[in-house]
Amino acid sequence: MVKMTVEHDLAARFQGLKEAEICDEAGRTVGRFLSEEMFRRLVYKWANAQVTDDELRQSLQQPGGRTLAEIWSQLESE
């Protein structure tokens, strides 16, 4: 993802918007703007759709895992 910094005047135009369609001079859609709130809401909905509550419960009940020290040790040896 590319992070873009916009001038204050342009940034102010997006204040209070939840979403906006960004078009060029010819009216062609260049992209879409989502507020941070809307972006997070969509990402959370997508993530929740990837796994069921039952799958999460089963995963939490499974034994295993590693300590942070074990993970760091493996990363350092790679």
N, C-alpha and C. Protein backbone atom coordinates (compact mmCIF):
# COMPACT_ATOMS: atom_id res chain seq x y z
N MET A 1 0.85 -1.17 0.00
CA MET A 1 0.00 0.00 0.00
C MET A 1 0.90 1.23 0.00
N VAL A 2 0.49 2.23 -0.72
CA VAL A 2 1.21 3.49 -0.78
C VAL A 2 0.54 4.47 0.17
N LYS A 3 1.32 5.10 1.02
CA LYS A 3 0.79 6.11 1.92
C LYS A 3 1.02 7.47 1.27
N MET A 4 -0.07 8.24 1.11
CA MET A 4 0.02 9.54 0.46
C MET A 4 -0.31 10.64 1.48
N THR A 5 0.44 11.71 1.42
CA THR A 5 0.16 12.87 2.26
C THR A 5 -0.47 13.93 1.37
N VAL A 6 -1.61 14.46 1.79
CA VAL A 6 -2.30 15.48 1.01
C VAL A 6 -2.22 16.81 1.75
N GLU A 7 -2.36 17.88 1.00
CA GLU A 7 -2.32 19.21 1.59
C GLU A 7 -3.53 19.40 2.50
N HIS A 8 -3.37 20.33 3.44
CA HIS A 8 -4.40 20.59 4.44
C HIS A 8 -5.77 20.86 3.81
N ASP A 9 -5.82 21.65 2.75
CA ASP A 9 -7.10 21.99 2.11
C ASP A 9 -7.83 20.76 1.60
N LEU A 10 -7.09 19.84 0.97
CA LEU A 10 -7.71 18.62 0.46
C LEU A 10 -8.14 17.72 1.62
N ALA A 11 -7.28 17.58 2.61
CA ALA A 11 -7.62 16.75 3.76
C ALA A 11 -8.88 17.27 4.45
N ALA A 12 -9.03 18.59 4.53
CA ALA A 12 -10.20 19.19 5.17
C ALA A 12 -11.48 18.84 4.43
N ARG A 13 -11.39 18.65 3.12
CA ARG A 13 -12.58 18.31 2.34
C ARG A 13 -13.11 16.92 2.68
N PHE A 14 -12.26 16.06 3.22
CA PHE A 14 -12.67 14.70 3.58
C PHE A 14 -13.16 14.60 5.02
N GLN A 15 -12.94 15.65 5.82
CA GLN A 15 -13.38 15.63 7.21
C GLN A 15 -14.89 15.39 7.29
N GLY A 16 -15.28 14.46 8.13
CA GLY A 16 -16.70 14.18 8.34
C GLY A 16 -17.32 13.24 7.33
N LEU A 17 -16.59 12.90 6.27
CA LEU A 17 -17.12 11.96 5.27
C LEU A 17 -16.86 10.53 5.72
N LYS A 18 -17.81 9.66 5.45
CA LYS A 18 -17.60 8.24 5.72
C LYS A 18 -17.01 7.56 4.49
N GLU A 19 -17.43 8.03 3.32
CA GLU A 19 -16.91 7.47 2.08
C GLU A 19 -17.08 8.50 0.97
N ALA A 20 -16.24 8.37 -0.05
CA ALA A 20 -16.31 9.27 -1.20
C ALA A 20 -15.72 8.58 -2.42
N GLU A 21 -16.24 8.90 -3.58
CA GLU A 21 -15.70 8.41 -4.84
C GLU A 21 -14.79 9.51 -5.38
N ILE A 22 -13.56 9.16 -5.74
CA ILE A 22 -12.59 10.11 -6.25
C ILE A 22 -12.53 9.97 -7.78
N CYS A 23 -12.80 11.08 -8.51
CA CYS A 23 -12.84 11.04 -9.97
C CYS A 23 -11.82 12.02 -10.56
N ASP A 24 -11.36 11.71 -11.77
CA ASP A 24 -10.47 12.65 -12.46
C ASP A 24 -11.33 13.68 -13.19
N GLU A 25 -10.66 14.57 -13.94
CA GLU A 25 -11.38 15.66 -14.63
C GLU A 25 -12.39 15.15 -15.65
N ALA A 26 -12.15 13.94 -16.20
CA ALA A 26 -13.05 13.37 -17.19
C ALA A 26 -14.22 12.63 -16.55
N GLY A 27 -14.25 12.57 -15.23
CA GLY A 27 -15.34 11.90 -14.54
C GLY A 27 -15.11 10.42 -14.30
N ARG A 28 -13.92 9.92 -14.67
CA ARG A 28 -13.60 8.50 -14.45
C ARG A 28 -13.20 8.29 -12.99
N THR A 29 -13.72 7.22 -12.42
CA THR A 29 -13.39 6.90 -11.04
C THR A 29 -11.91 6.49 -10.94
N VAL A 30 -11.20 7.18 -10.06
CA VAL A 30 -9.80 6.87 -9.80
C VAL A 30 -9.69 5.93 -8.60
N GLY A 31 -10.55 6.13 -7.63
CA GLY A 31 -10.53 5.31 -6.43
C GLY A 31 -11.63 5.73 -5.49
N ARG A 32 -11.58 5.17 -4.31
CA ARG A 32 -12.59 5.48 -3.31
C ARG A 32 -11.91 5.79 -1.99
N PHE A 33 -12.50 6.70 -1.25
CA PHE A 33 -12.01 7.07 0.07
C PHE A 33 -12.96 6.48 1.09
N LEU A 34 -12.40 5.87 2.13
CA LEU A 34 -13.17 5.40 3.27
C LEU A 34 -12.58 6.04 4.52
N SER A 35 -13.44 6.52 5.40
CA SER A 35 -12.95 7.04 6.67
C SER A 35 -12.29 5.90 7.43
N GLU A 36 -11.48 6.23 8.41
CA GLU A 36 -10.82 5.20 9.22
C GLU A 36 -11.87 4.31 9.88
N GLU A 37 -12.95 4.91 10.36
CA GLU A 37 -14.03 4.15 10.99
C GLU A 37 -14.65 3.14 10.03
N MET A 38 -14.96 3.60 8.81
CA MET A 38 -15.56 2.70 7.82
C MET A 38 -14.58 1.61 7.39
N PHE A 39 -13.32 1.98 7.21
CA PHE A 39 -12.31 1.00 6.82
C PHE A 39 -12.20 -0.10 7.86
N ARG A 40 -12.08 0.29 9.13
CA ARG A 40 -11.97 -0.70 10.20
C ARG A 40 -13.20 -1.59 10.27
N ARG A 41 -14.38 -0.98 10.13
CA ARG A 41 -15.62 -1.75 10.18
C ARG A 41 -15.64 -2.81 9.08
N LEU A 42 -15.25 -2.44 7.86
CA LEU A 42 -15.23 -3.40 6.75
C LEU A 42 -14.19 -4.49 6.96
N VAL A 43 -13.02 -4.12 7.46
CA VAL A 43 -11.97 -5.12 7.71
C VAL A 43 -12.43 -6.10 8.78
N TYR A 44 -13.05 -5.61 9.85
CA TYR A 44 -13.55 -6.50 10.90
C TYR A 44 -14.64 -7.43 10.38
N LYS A 45 -15.55 -6.90 9.56
CA LYS A 45 -16.59 -7.75 8.99
C LYS A 45 -15.98 -8.83 8.10
N TRP A 46 -14.98 -8.44 7.31
CA TRP A 46 -14.32 -9.42 6.44
C TRP A 46 -13.64 -10.49 7.29
N ALA A 47 -12.90 -10.06 8.31
CA ALA A 47 -12.17 -11.01 9.16
C ALA A 47 -13.14 -11.95 9.87
N ASN A 48 -14.24 -11.44 10.36
CA ASN A 48 -15.23 -12.28 11.03
C ASN A 48 -15.86 -13.28 10.09
N ALA A 49 -15.95 -12.95 8.81
CA ALA A 49 -16.53 -13.86 7.83
C ALA A 49 -15.57 -14.99 7.46
N GLN A 50 -14.29 -14.86 7.81
CA GLN A 50 -13.29 -15.86 7.43
C GLN A 50 -13.28 -17.06 8.37
N VAL A 51 -13.79 -16.90 9.58
CA VAL A 51 -13.75 -17.98 10.56
C VAL A 51 -15.03 -17.92 11.40
N THR A 52 -15.57 -19.09 11.71
CA THR A 52 -16.79 -19.13 12.51
C THR A 52 -16.45 -19.09 14.00
N ASP A 53 -17.44 -18.78 14.81
CA ASP A 53 -17.24 -18.78 16.26
C ASP A 53 -16.84 -20.16 16.75
N ASP A 54 -17.43 -21.21 16.17
CA ASP A 54 -17.07 -22.58 16.56
C ASP A 54 -15.61 -22.87 16.25
N GLU A 55 -15.13 -22.43 15.08
CA GLU A 55 -13.72 -22.64 14.72
C GLU A 55 -12.80 -21.92 15.70
N LEU A 56 -13.18 -20.72 16.11
CA LEU A 56 -12.37 -19.99 17.09
C LEU A 56 -12.34 -20.72 18.42
N ARG A 57 -13.50 -21.21 18.88
CA ARG A 57 -13.54 -21.95 20.15
C ARG A 57 -12.67 -23.20 20.08
N GLN A 58 -12.77 -23.94 18.98
CA GLN A 58 -11.95 -25.15 18.82
C GLN A 58 -10.47 -24.82 18.85
N SER A 59 -10.10 -23.75 18.19
CA SER A 59 -8.70 -23.34 18.15
C SER A 59 -8.18 -22.99 19.54
N LEU A 60 -8.99 -22.31 20.31
CA LEU A 60 -8.59 -21.92 21.66
C LEU A 60 -8.45 -23.11 22.59
N GLN A 61 -9.19 -24.19 22.32
CA GLN A 61 -9.15 -25.37 23.17
C GLN A 61 -8.00 -26.31 22.82
N GLN A 62 -7.37 -26.13 21.66
CA GLN A 62 -6.30 -27.03 21.24
C GLN A 62 -5.03 -26.73 22.04
N PRO A 63 -4.37 -27.78 22.48
CA PRO A 63 -3.10 -27.58 23.19
C PRO A 63 -2.00 -27.19 22.21
N GLY A 64 -0.93 -26.70 22.74
CA GLY A 64 0.21 -26.39 21.88
C GLY A 64 0.55 -24.92 21.93
N GLY A 65 1.27 -24.52 20.96
CA GLY A 65 1.73 -23.14 20.92
C GLY A 65 3.17 -23.05 21.39
N ARG A 66 3.72 -21.86 21.29
CA ARG A 66 5.10 -21.64 21.69
C ARG A 66 5.18 -20.36 22.51
N THR A 67 6.20 -20.30 23.32
CA THR A 67 6.43 -19.09 24.09
C THR A 67 7.07 -18.04 23.17
N LEU A 68 7.03 -16.81 23.60
CA LEU A 68 7.66 -15.74 22.83
C LEU A 68 9.16 -15.99 22.72
N ALA A 69 9.77 -16.49 23.76
CA ALA A 69 11.20 -16.79 23.72
C ALA A 69 11.52 -17.84 22.65
N GLU A 70 10.66 -18.84 22.52
CA GLU A 70 10.86 -19.86 21.49
C GLU A 70 10.73 -19.27 20.08
N ILE A 71 9.78 -18.39 19.92
CA ILE A 71 9.58 -17.75 18.61
C ILE A 71 10.79 -16.90 18.26
N TRP A 72 11.26 -16.08 19.22
CA TRP A 72 12.44 -15.23 18.98
C TRP A 72 13.66 -16.08 18.64
N SER A 73 13.82 -17.18 19.35
CA SER A 73 14.96 -18.06 19.11
C SER A 73 14.93 -18.61 17.70
N GLN A 74 13.77 -19.02 17.24
CA GLN A 74 13.66 -19.55 15.88
C GLN A 74 13.94 -18.45 14.86
N LEU A 75 13.39 -17.25 15.08
CA LEU A 75 13.61 -16.16 14.14
C LEU A 75 15.08 -15.77 14.06
N GLU A 76 15.78 -15.82 15.18
CA GLU A 76 17.20 -15.47 15.20
C GLU A 76 18.05 -16.49 14.49
N SER A 77 17.59 -17.75 14.47
CA SER A 77 18.39 -18.80 13.82
C SER A 77 18.15 -18.88 12.32
N GLU A 78 17.15 -18.17 11.82
CA GLU A 78 16.85 -18.23 10.38
C GLU A 78 17.70 -17.28 9.58
